[in-house]
Amino acid sequence: MKADPGQIEQVILNLALNARDAMPNGGKLTVMTLNVAMTQDEAIQRPPMTSGDYVLLSVTDTGHGMDEATKIISSSLFHNQSRWQRYRPRLGHRLRRR
């Protein structure tokens, strides 16, 4: 796998801290990895990805989630391609090939 271990550790730590803050009375944090084969047709829908083997990192929690104001800000950062492209995480691209 091609990935910077320090960056992956930082991402997981940040997600874990966010989950902790969203679960002040306790809850469940799940970190999961899965090997995924990306076909050419699937890769075309997710530029700049290319077909091949990837590792999927999934982090979920049972926290309260984001309030509406945070959802709006978060959504604009991740979905407004033209304005925020340089800030959008590209972990899928960085985690390429096992």
PDB file of N, CA and C in Angstrom:
ATOM      1  N   MET A   1       0.841  -1.170   0.000  1.00  0.00           N
ATOM      2  CA  MET A   1       0.000   0.000   0.000  1.00  0.00           C
ATOM      3  C   MET A   1       0.886   1.233   0.000  1.00  0.00           C
ATOM      4  N   LYS A   2       0.540   2.206  -0.820  1.00  0.00           N
ATOM      5  CA  LYS A   2       1.267   3.462  -0.858  1.00  0.00           C
ATOM      6  C   LYS A   2       0.497   4.491  -0.043  1.00  0.00           C
ATOM      7  N   ALA A   3       1.009   4.795   1.125  1.00  0.00           N
ATOM      8  CA  ALA A   3       0.382   5.799   1.983  1.00  0.00           C
ATOM      9  C   ALA A   3       1.412   6.269   2.997  1.00  0.00           C
ATOM     10  N   ASP A   4       1.260   7.493   3.426  1.00  0.00           N
ATOM     11  CA  ASP A   4       2.121   8.040   4.458  1.00  0.00           C
ATOM     12  C   ASP A   4       1.541   7.614   5.807  1.00  0.00           C
ATOM     13  N   PRO A   5       2.223   6.737   6.534  1.00  0.00           N
ATOM     14  CA  PRO A   5       1.682   6.260   7.815  1.00  0.00           C
ATOM     15  C   PRO A   5       1.350   7.396   8.783  1.00  0.00           C
ATOM     16  N   GLY A   6       2.146   8.442   8.790  1.00  0.00           N
ATOM     17  CA  GLY A   6       1.882   9.580   9.672  1.00  0.00           C
ATOM     18  C   GLY A   6       0.581  10.286   9.320  1.00  0.00           C
ATOM     19  N   GLN A   7       0.306  10.436   8.014  1.00  0.00           N
ATOM     20  CA  GLN A   7      -0.938  11.080   7.593  1.00  0.00           C
ATOM     21  C   GLN A   7      -2.147  10.215   7.943  1.00  0.00           C
ATOM     22  N   ILE A   8      -2.029   8.911   7.723  1.00  0.00           N
ATOM     23  CA  ILE A   8      -3.140   8.014   8.041  1.00  0.00           C
ATOM     24  C   ILE A   8      -3.404   8.032   9.542  1.00  0.00           C
ATOM     25  N   GLU A   9      -2.341   7.996  10.334  1.00  0.00           N
ATOM     26  CA  GLU A   9      -2.497   8.058  11.788  1.00  0.00           C
ATOM     27  C   GLU A   9      -3.191   9.354  12.200  1.00  0.00           C
ATOM     28  N   GLN A  10      -2.802  10.465  11.595  1.00  0.00           N
ATOM     29  CA  GLN A  10      -3.396  11.762  11.935  1.00  0.00           C
ATOM     30  C   GLN A  10      -4.878  11.802  11.561  1.00  0.00           C
ATOM     31  N   VAL A  11      -5.227  11.260  10.407  1.00  0.00           N
ATOM     32  CA  VAL A  11      -6.624  11.237   9.976  1.00  0.00           C
ATOM     33  C   VAL A  11      -7.464  10.417  10.953  1.00  0.00           C
ATOM     34  N   ILE A  12      -6.988   9.221  11.298  1.00  0.00           N
ATOM     35  CA  ILE A  12      -7.739   8.367  12.221  1.00  0.00           C
ATOM     36  C   ILE A  12      -7.847   9.027  13.592  1.00  0.00           C
ATOM     37  N   LEU A  13      -6.767   9.637  14.063  1.00  0.00           N
ATOM     38  CA  LEU A  13      -6.799  10.326  15.355  1.00  0.00           C
ATOM     39  C   LEU A  13      -7.809  11.467  15.342  1.00  0.00           C
ATOM     40  N   ASN A  14      -7.820  12.278  14.285  1.00  0.00           N
ATOM     41  CA  ASN A  14      -8.769  13.395  14.191  1.00  0.00           C
ATOM     42  C   ASN A  14     -10.209  12.885  14.183  1.00  0.00           C
ATOM     43  N   LEU A  15     -10.464  11.814  13.416  1.00  0.00           N
ATOM     44  CA  LEU A  15     -11.813  11.256  13.382  1.00  0.00           C
ATOM     45  C   LEU A  15     -12.210  10.698  14.754  1.00  0.00           C
ATOM     46  N   ALA A  16     -11.273  10.060  15.438  1.00  0.00           N
ATOM     47  CA  ALA A  16     -11.560   9.512  16.766  1.00  0.00           C
ATOM     48  C   ALA A  16     -11.864  10.632  17.766  1.00  0.00           C
ATOM     49  N   LEU A  17     -11.113  11.725  17.689  1.00  0.00           N
ATOM     50  CA  LEU A  17     -11.371  12.853  18.589  1.00  0.00           C
ATOM     51  C   LEU A  17     -12.717  13.499  18.296  1.00  0.00           C
ATOM     52  N   ASN A  18     -13.061  13.627  17.023  1.00  0.00           N
ATOM     53  CA  ASN A  18     -14.379  14.166  16.659  1.00  0.00           C
ATOM     54  C   ASN A  18     -15.481  13.256  17.183  1.00  0.00           C
ATOM     55  N   ALA A  19     -15.274  11.940  17.062  1.00  0.00           N
ATOM     56  CA  ALA A  19     -16.268  10.978  17.558  1.00  0.00           C
ATOM     57  C   ALA A  19     -16.417  11.104  19.068  1.00  0.00           C
ATOM     58  N   ARG A  20     -15.298  11.228  19.769  1.00  0.00           N
ATOM     59  CA  ARG A  20     -15.344  11.390  21.231  1.00  0.00           C
ATOM     60  C   ARG A  20     -16.190  12.602  21.603  1.00  0.00           C
ATOM     61  N   ASP A  21     -15.966  13.713  20.899  1.00  0.00           N
ATOM     62  CA  ASP A  21     -16.704  14.935  21.195  1.00  0.00           C
ATOM     63  C   ASP A  21     -18.192  14.786  20.884  1.00  0.00           C
ATOM     64  N   ALA A  22     -18.526  13.939  19.913  1.00  0.00           N
ATOM     65  CA  ALA A  22     -19.923  13.733  19.527  1.00  0.00           C
ATOM     66  C   ALA A  22     -20.624  12.705  20.410  1.00  0.00           C
ATOM     67  N   MET A  23     -19.860  12.063  21.307  1.00  0.00           N
ATOM     68  CA  MET A  23     -20.434  11.038  22.185  1.00  0.00           C
ATOM     69  C   MET A  23     -20.062  11.326  23.643  1.00  0.00           C
ATOM     70  N   PRO A  24     -20.526  12.449  24.194  1.00  0.00           N
ATOM     71  CA  PRO A  24     -20.119  12.821  25.548  1.00  0.00           C
ATOM     72  C   PRO A  24     -20.541  11.809  26.622  1.00  0.00           C
ATOM     73  N   ASN A  25     -21.553  11.014  26.348  1.00  0.00           N
ATOM     74  CA  ASN A  25     -22.018  10.009  27.319  1.00  0.00           C
ATOM     75  C   ASN A  25     -21.594   8.598  26.919  1.00  0.00           C
ATOM     76  N   GLY A  26     -20.613   8.498  26.050  1.00  0.00           N
ATOM     77  CA  GLY A  26     -20.150   7.196  25.582  1.00  0.00           C
ATOM     78  C   GLY A  26     -20.815   6.806  24.283  1.00  0.00           C
ATOM     79  N   GLY A  27     -20.305   5.768  23.671  1.00  0.00           N
ATOM     80  CA  GLY A  27     -20.835   5.302  22.399  1.00  0.00           C
ATOM     81  C   GLY A  27     -19.886   4.298  21.788  1.00  0.00           C
ATOM     82  N   LYS A  28     -20.025   4.094  20.500  1.00  0.00           N
ATOM     83  CA  LYS A  28     -19.221   3.102  19.809  1.00  0.00           C
ATOM     84  C   LYS A  28     -18.494   3.745  18.632  1.00  0.00           C
ATOM     85  N   LEU A  29     -17.194   3.534  18.562  1.00  0.00           N
ATOM     86  CA  LEU A  29     -16.358   3.977  17.445  1.00  0.00           C
ATOM     87  C   LEU A  29     -15.870   2.721  16.725  1.00  0.00           C
ATOM     88  N   THR A  30     -16.101   2.654  15.420  1.00  0.00           N
ATOM     89  CA  THR A  30     -15.688   1.493  14.629  1.00  0.00           C
ATOM     90  C   THR A  30     -14.729   1.947  13.536  1.00  0.00           C
ATOM     91  N   VAL A  31     -13.557   1.337  13.491  1.00  0.00           N
ATOM     92  CA  VAL A  31     -12.573   1.591  12.428  1.00  0.00           C
ATOM     93  C   VAL A  31     -12.414   0.276  11.678  1.00  0.00           C
ATOM     94  N   MET A  32     -12.619   0.322  10.356  1.00  0.00           N
ATOM     95  CA  MET A  32     -12.604  -0.887   9.549  1.00  0.00           C
ATOM     96  C   MET A  32     -11.815  -0.650   8.267  1.00  0.00           C
ATOM     97  N   THR A  33     -11.117  -1.661   7.811  1.00  0.00           N
ATOM     98  CA  THR A  33     -10.465  -1.598   6.501  1.00  0.00           C
ATOM     99  C   THR A  33     -10.997  -2.741   5.655  1.00  0.00           C
ATOM    100  N   LEU A  34     -10.959  -2.540   4.337  1.00  0.00           N
ATOM    101  CA  LEU A  34     -11.451  -3.535   3.404  1.00  0.00           C
ATOM    102  C   LEU A  34     -10.661  -3.420   2.107  1.00  0.00           C
ATOM    103  N   ASN A  35     -10.230  -4.528   1.565  1.00  0.00           N
ATOM    104  CA  ASN A  35      -9.587  -4.526   0.254  1.00  0.00           C
ATOM    105  C   ASN A  35     -10.658  -4.409  -0.817  1.00  0.00           C
ATOM    106  N   VAL A  36     -10.454  -3.487  -1.766  1.00  0.00           N
ATOM    107  CA  VAL A  36     -11.446  -3.213  -2.800  1.00  0.00           C
ATOM    108  C   VAL A  36     -10.755  -3.201  -4.156  1.00  0.00           C
ATOM    109  N   ALA A  37     -11.359  -3.865  -5.135  1.00  0.00           N
ATOM    110  CA  ALA A  37     -10.866  -3.818  -6.516  1.00  0.00           C
ATOM    111  C   ALA A  37     -11.726  -2.829  -7.287  1.00  0.00           C
ATOM    112  N   MET A  38     -11.117  -1.750  -7.756  1.00  0.00           N
ATOM    113  CA  MET A  38     -11.821  -0.702  -8.488  1.00  0.00           C
ATOM    114  C   MET A  38     -11.760  -1.013  -9.985  1.00  0.00           C
ATOM    115  N   THR A  39     -12.918  -1.174 -10.604  1.00  0.00           N
ATOM    116  CA  THR A  39     -12.948  -1.436 -12.050  1.00  0.00           C
ATOM    117  C   THR A  39     -12.749  -0.135 -12.811  1.00  0.00           C
ATOM    118  N   GLN A  40     -12.480  -0.248 -14.082  1.00  0.00           N
ATOM    119  CA  GLN A  40     -12.301   0.932 -14.930  1.00  0.00           C
ATOM    120  C   GLN A  40     -13.574   1.779 -14.949  1.00  0.00           C
ATOM    121  N   ASP A  41     -14.737   1.133 -15.045  1.00  0.00           N
ATOM    122  CA  ASP A  41     -16.011   1.870 -15.063  1.00  0.00           C
ATOM    123  C   ASP A  41     -16.232   2.634 -13.753  1.00  0.00           C
ATOM    124  N   GLU A  42     -15.886   2.024 -12.622  1.00  0.00           N
ATOM    125  CA  GLU A  42     -16.028   2.696 -11.328  1.00  0.00           C
ATOM    126  C   GLU A  42     -15.023   3.836 -11.192  1.00  0.00           C
ATOM    127  N   ALA A  43     -13.820   3.618 -11.665  1.00  0.00           N
ATOM    128  CA  ALA A  43     -12.769   4.635 -11.560  1.00  0.00           C
ATOM    129  C   ALA A  43     -13.116   5.878 -12.377  1.00  0.00           C
ATOM    130  N   ILE A  44     -13.724   5.702 -13.522  1.00  0.00           N
ATOM    131  CA  ILE A  44     -14.106   6.839 -14.376  1.00  0.00           C
ATOM    132  C   ILE A  44     -15.047   7.782 -13.630  1.00  0.00           C
ATOM    133  N   GLN A  45     -15.872   7.232 -12.760  1.00  0.00           N
ATOM    134  CA  GLN A  45     -16.830   8.046 -11.999  1.00  0.00           C
ATOM    135  C   GLN A  45     -16.178   8.766 -10.817  1.00  0.00           C
ATOM    136  N   ARG A  46     -14.898   8.464 -10.517  1.00  0.00           N
ATOM    137  CA  ARG A  46     -14.225   9.030  -9.352  1.00  0.00           C
ATOM    138  C   ARG A  46     -12.835   9.570  -9.702  1.00  0.00           C
ATOM    139  N   PRO A  47     -12.757  10.520 -10.628  1.00  0.00           N
ATOM    140  CA  PRO A  47     -11.426  11.035 -10.963  1.00  0.00           C
ATOM    141  C   PRO A  47     -10.769  11.661  -9.747  1.00  0.00           C
ATOM    142  N   PRO A  48      -9.496  11.568  -9.574  1.00  0.00           N
ATOM    143  CA  PRO A  48      -8.458  11.078 -10.485  1.00  0.00           C
ATOM    144  C   PRO A  48      -8.116   9.600 -10.290  1.00  0.00           C
ATOM    145  N   MET A  49      -9.009   8.809  -9.691  1.00  0.00           N
ATOM    146  CA  MET A  49      -8.712   7.400  -9.443  1.00  0.00           C
ATOM    147  C   MET A  49      -8.557   6.633 -10.744  1.00  0.00           C
ATOM    148  N   THR A  50      -7.789   5.576 -10.667  1.00  0.00           N
ATOM    149  CA  THR A  50      -7.641   4.657 -11.785  1.00  0.00           C
ATOM    150  C   THR A  50      -8.030   3.269 -11.287  1.00  0.00           C
ATOM    151  N   SER A  51      -8.269   2.367 -12.213  1.00  0.00           N
ATOM    152  CA  SER A  51      -8.654   1.020 -11.804  1.00  0.00           C
ATOM    153  C   SER A  51      -7.492   0.351 -11.075  1.00  0.00           C
ATOM    154  N   GLY A  52      -7.819  -0.592 -10.218  1.00  0.00           N
ATOM    155  CA  GLY A  52      -6.791  -1.312  -9.474  1.00  0.00           C
ATOM    156  C   GLY A  52      -7.259  -1.660  -8.082  1.00  0.00           C
ATOM    157  N   ASP A  53      -6.345  -2.132  -7.293  1.00  0.00           N
ATOM    158  CA  ASP A  53      -6.635  -2.554  -5.925  1.00  0.00           C
ATOM    159  C   ASP A  53      -6.422  -1.396  -4.960  1.00  0.00           C
ATOM    160  N   TYR A  54      -7.375  -1.221  -4.060  1.00  0.00           N
ATOM    161  CA  TYR A  54      -7.338  -0.149  -3.070  1.00  0.00           C
ATOM    162  C   TYR A  54      -7.638  -0.706  -1.691  1.00  0.00           C
ATOM    163  N   VAL A  55      -7.353   0.094  -0.682  1.00  0.00           N
ATOM    164  CA  VAL A  55      -7.760  -0.213   0.677  1.00  0.00           C
ATOM    165  C   VAL A  55      -8.770   0.848   1.088  1.00  0.00           C
ATOM    166  N   LEU A  56      -9.957   0.407   1.485  1.00  0.00           N
ATOM    167  CA  LEU A  56     -11.013   1.298   1.948  1.00  0.00           C
ATOM    168  C   LEU A  56     -10.898   1.431   3.459  1.00  0.00           C
ATOM    169  N   LEU A  57     -10.865   2.649   3.945  1.00  0.00           N
ATOM    170  CA  LEU A  57     -10.845   2.929   5.378  1.00  0.00           C
ATOM    171  C   LEU A  57     -12.201   3.508   5.749  1.00  0.00           C
ATOM    172  N   SER A  58     -12.894   2.863   6.664  1.00  0.00           N
ATOM    173  CA  SER A  58     -14.210   3.312   7.110  1.00  0.00           C
ATOM    174  C   SER A  58     -14.145   3.601   8.601  1.00  0.00           C
ATOM    175  N   VAL A  59     -14.636   4.780   8.996  1.00  0.00           N
ATOM    176  CA  VAL A  59     -14.693   5.154  10.409  1.00  0.00           C
ATOM    177  C   VAL A  59     -16.114   5.623  10.689  1.00  0.00           C
ATOM    178  N   THR A  60     -16.788   4.948  11.629  1.00  0.00           N
ATOM    179  CA  THR A  60     -18.152   5.327  11.994  1.00  0.00           C
ATOM    180  C   THR A  60     -18.245   5.438  13.511  1.00  0.00           C
ATOM    181  N   ASP A  61     -19.247   6.201  13.962  1.00  0.00           N
ATOM    182  CA  ASP A  61     -19.487   6.314  15.392  1.00  0.00           C
ATOM    183  C   ASP A  61     -20.984   6.469  15.635  1.00  0.00           C
ATOM    184  N   THR A  62     -21.375   6.345  16.889  1.00  0.00           N
ATOM    185  CA  THR A  62     -22.782   6.473  17.260  1.00  0.00           C
ATOM    186  C   THR A  62     -23.070   7.841  17.868  1.00  0.00           C
ATOM    187  N   GLY A  63     -22.275   8.826  17.494  1.00  0.00           N
ATOM    188  CA  GLY A  63     -22.447  10.185  18.017  1.00  0.00           C
ATOM    189  C   GLY A  63     -23.671  10.882  17.460  1.00  0.00           C
ATOM    190  N   HIS A  64     -23.904  12.089  17.947  1.00  0.00           N
ATOM    191  CA  HIS A  64     -25.102  12.855  17.600  1.00  0.00           C
ATOM    192  C   HIS A  64     -25.068  13.453  16.204  1.00  0.00           C
ATOM    193  N   GLY A  65     -23.946  13.437  15.527  1.00  0.00           N
ATOM    194  CA  GLY A  65     -23.867  13.986  14.171  1.00  0.00           C
ATOM    195  C   GLY A  65     -23.648  15.485  14.169  1.00  0.00           C
ATOM    196  N   MET A  66     -23.737  16.064  12.984  1.00  0.00           N
ATOM    197  CA  MET A  66     -23.489  17.501  12.819  1.00  0.00           C
ATOM    198  C   MET A  66     -24.791  18.284  12.859  1.00  0.00           C
ATOM    199  N   ASP A  67     -24.717  19.510  13.378  1.00  0.00           N
ATOM    200  CA  ASP A  67     -25.885  20.375  13.309  1.00  0.00           C
ATOM    201  C   ASP A  67     -26.015  20.888  11.877  1.00  0.00           C
ATOM    202  N   GLU A  68     -27.136  21.517  11.562  1.00  0.00           N
ATOM    203  CA  GLU A  68     -27.413  21.936  10.185  1.00  0.00           C
ATOM    204  C   GLU A  68     -26.377  22.927   9.646  1.00  0.00           C
ATOM    205  N   ALA A  69     -25.923  23.854  10.465  1.00  0.00           N
ATOM    206  CA  ALA A  69     -24.934  24.838  10.017  1.00  0.00           C
ATOM    207  C   ALA A  69     -23.629  24.155   9.620  1.00  0.00           C
ATOM    208  N   THR A  70     -23.197  23.180  10.407  1.00  0.00           N
ATOM    209  CA  THR A  70     -21.966  22.454  10.106  1.00  0.00           C
ATOM    210  C   THR A  70     -22.129  21.620   8.844  1.00  0.00           C
ATOM    211  N   LYS A  71     -23.297  21.009   8.659  1.00  0.00           N
ATOM    212  CA  LYS A  71     -23.558  20.214   7.457  1.00  0.00           C
ATOM    213  C   LYS A  71     -23.438  21.073   6.203  1.00  0.00           C
ATOM    214  N   ILE A  72     -23.944  22.295   6.258  1.00  0.00           N
ATOM    215  CA  ILE A  72     -23.890  23.183   5.095  1.00  0.00           C
ATOM    216  C   ILE A  72     -22.444  23.538   4.767  1.00  0.00           C
ATOM    217  N   ILE A  73     -21.661  23.891   5.776  1.00  0.00           N
ATOM    218  CA  ILE A  73     -20.251  24.227   5.555  1.00  0.00           C
ATOM    219  C   ILE A  73     -19.497  23.014   5.037  1.00  0.00           C
ATOM    220  N   SER A  74     -19.697  21.879   5.668  1.00  0.00           N
ATOM    221  CA  SER A  74     -19.020  20.644   5.273  1.00  0.00           C
ATOM    222  C   SER A  74     -19.386  20.259   3.844  1.00  0.00           C
ATOM    223  N   SER A  75     -20.648  20.338   3.516  1.00  0.00           N
ATOM    224  CA  SER A  75     -21.106  19.966   2.177  1.00  0.00           C
ATOM    225  C   SER A  75     -20.471  20.850   1.116  1.00  0.00           C
ATOM    226  N   SER A  76     -20.390  22.152   1.378  1.00  0.00           N
ATOM    227  CA  SER A  76     -19.800  23.050   0.377  1.00  0.00           C
ATOM    228  C   SER A  76     -18.309  22.784   0.199  1.00  0.00           C
ATOM    229  N   LEU A  77     -17.615  22.391   1.254  1.00  0.00           N
ATOM    230  CA  LEU A  77     -16.182  22.107   1.143  1.00  0.00           C
ATOM    231  C   LEU A  77     -15.912  20.874   0.295  1.00  0.00           C
ATOM    232  N   PHE A  78     -16.776  19.870   0.406  1.00  0.00           N
ATOM    233  CA  PHE A  78     -16.524  18.607  -0.268  1.00  0.00           C
ATOM    234  C   PHE A  78     -17.206  18.476  -1.623  1.00  0.00           C
ATOM    235  N   HIS A  79     -18.190  19.318  -1.915  1.00  0.00           N
ATOM    236  CA  HIS A  79     -18.931  19.134  -3.156  1.00  0.00           C
ATOM    237  C   HIS A  79     -18.837  20.287  -4.139  1.00  0.00           C
ATOM    238  N   ASN A  80     -18.318  21.422  -3.743  1.00  0.00           N
ATOM    239  CA  ASN A  80     -18.155  22.539  -4.673  1.00  0.00           C
ATOM    240  C   ASN A  80     -16.792  22.401  -5.334  1.00  0.00           C
ATOM    241  N   GLN A  81     -16.745  21.614  -6.393  1.00  0.00           N
ATOM    242  CA  GLN A  81     -15.490  21.258  -7.042  1.00  0.00           C
ATOM    243  C   GLN A  81     -14.676  22.470  -7.493  1.00  0.00           C
ATOM    244  N   SER A  82     -15.322  23.432  -8.100  1.00  0.00           N
ATOM    245  CA  SER A  82     -14.563  24.530  -8.684  1.00  0.00           C
ATOM    246  C   SER A  82     -13.842  25.383  -7.646  1.00  0.00           C
ATOM    247  N   ARG A  83     -14.495  25.687  -6.531  1.00  0.00           N
ATOM    248  CA  ARG A  83     -13.904  26.591  -5.551  1.00  0.00           C
ATOM    249  C   ARG A  83     -12.984  25.883  -4.551  1.00  0.00           C
ATOM    250  N   TRP A  84     -13.332  24.666  -4.131  1.00  0.00           N
ATOM    251  CA  TRP A  84     -12.624  24.025  -3.039  1.00  0.00           C
ATOM    252  C   TRP A  84     -11.784  22.837  -3.464  1.00  0.00           C
ATOM    253  N   GLN A  85     -11.566  22.637  -4.726  1.00  0.00           N
ATOM    254  CA  GLN A  85     -10.856  21.457  -5.219  1.00  0.00           C
ATOM    255  C   GLN A  85      -9.514  21.247  -4.517  1.00  0.00           C
ATOM    256  N   ARG A  86      -8.767  22.317  -4.298  1.00  0.00           N
ATOM    257  CA  ARG A  86      -7.438  22.147  -3.713  1.00  0.00           C
ATOM    258  C   ARG A  86      -7.486  21.727  -2.245  1.00  0.00           C
ATOM    259  N   TYR A  87      -8.640  21.897  -1.571  1.00  0.00           N
ATOM    260  CA  TYR A  87      -8.743  21.527  -0.166  1.00  0.00           C
ATOM    261  C   TYR A  87      -9.338  20.147   0.044  1.00  0.00           C
ATOM    262  N   ARG A  88      -9.927  19.586  -0.977  1.00  0.00           N
ATOM    263  CA  ARG A  88     -10.635  18.317  -0.839  1.00  0.00           C
ATOM    264  C   ARG A  88      -9.643  17.179  -0.603  1.00  0.00           C
ATOM    265  N   PRO A  89      -9.855  16.379   0.432  1.00  0.00           N
ATOM    266  CA  PRO A  89      -8.954  15.255   0.693  1.00  0.00           C
ATOM    267  C   PRO A  89      -8.943  14.264  -0.456  1.00  0.00           C
ATOM    268  N   ARG A  90      -7.814  13.693  -0.714  1.00  0.00           N
ATOM    269  CA  ARG A  90      -7.676  12.723  -1.797  1.00  0.00           C
ATOM    270  C   ARG A  90      -7.102  11.424  -1.248  1.00  0.00           C
ATOM    271  N   LEU A  91      -7.609  10.998  -0.106  1.00  0.00           N
ATOM    272  CA  LEU A  91      -7.060   9.804   0.516  1.00  0.00           C
ATOM    273  C   LEU A  91      -7.225   8.583  -0.367  1.00  0.00           C
ATOM    274  N   GLY A  92      -8.339   8.481  -1.093  1.00  0.00           N
ATOM    275  CA  GLY A  92      -8.530   7.334  -1.967  1.00  0.00           C
ATOM    276  C   GLY A  92      -7.408   7.242  -2.977  1.00  0.00           C
ATOM    277  N   HIS A  93      -6.980   8.373  -3.483  1.00  0.00           N
ATOM    278  CA  HIS A  93      -5.885   8.391  -4.462  1.00  0.00           C
ATOM    279  C   HIS A  93      -4.560   8.059  -3.791  1.00  0.00           C
ATOM    280  N   ARG A  94      -4.357   8.539  -2.577  1.00  0.00           N
ATOM    281  CA  ARG A  94      -3.092   8.297  -1.879  1.00  0.00           C
ATOM    282  C   ARG A  94      -2.963   6.860  -1.367  1.00  0.00           C
ATOM    283  N   LEU A  95      -4.079   6.187  -1.182  1.00  0.00           N
ATOM    284  CA  LEU A  95      -4.047   4.840  -0.643  1.00  0.00           C
ATOM    285  C   LEU A  95      -3.968   3.792  -1.757  1.00  0.00           C
ATOM    286  N   ARG A  96      -3.601   4.217  -2.936  1.00  0.00           N
ATOM    287  CA  ARG A  96      -3.631   3.363  -4.111  1.00  0.00           C
ATOM    288  C   ARG A  96      -2.696   2.177  -3.995  1.00  0.00           C
ATOM    289  N   ARG A  97      -3.141   1.104  -4.475  1.00  0.00           N
ATOM    290  CA  ARG A  97      -2.396  -0.149  -4.664  1.00  0.00           C
ATOM    291  C   ARG A  97      -1.834  -0.721  -3.386  1.00  0.00           C
ATOM    292  N   ARG A  98      -2.155  -1.951  -3.163  1.00  0.00           N
ATOM    293  CA  ARG A  98      -1.611  -2.683  -2.014  1.00  0.00           C
ATOM    294  C   ARG A  98      -0.240  -3.169  -2.343  1.00  0.00           C
TER     295      ARG A  98
END
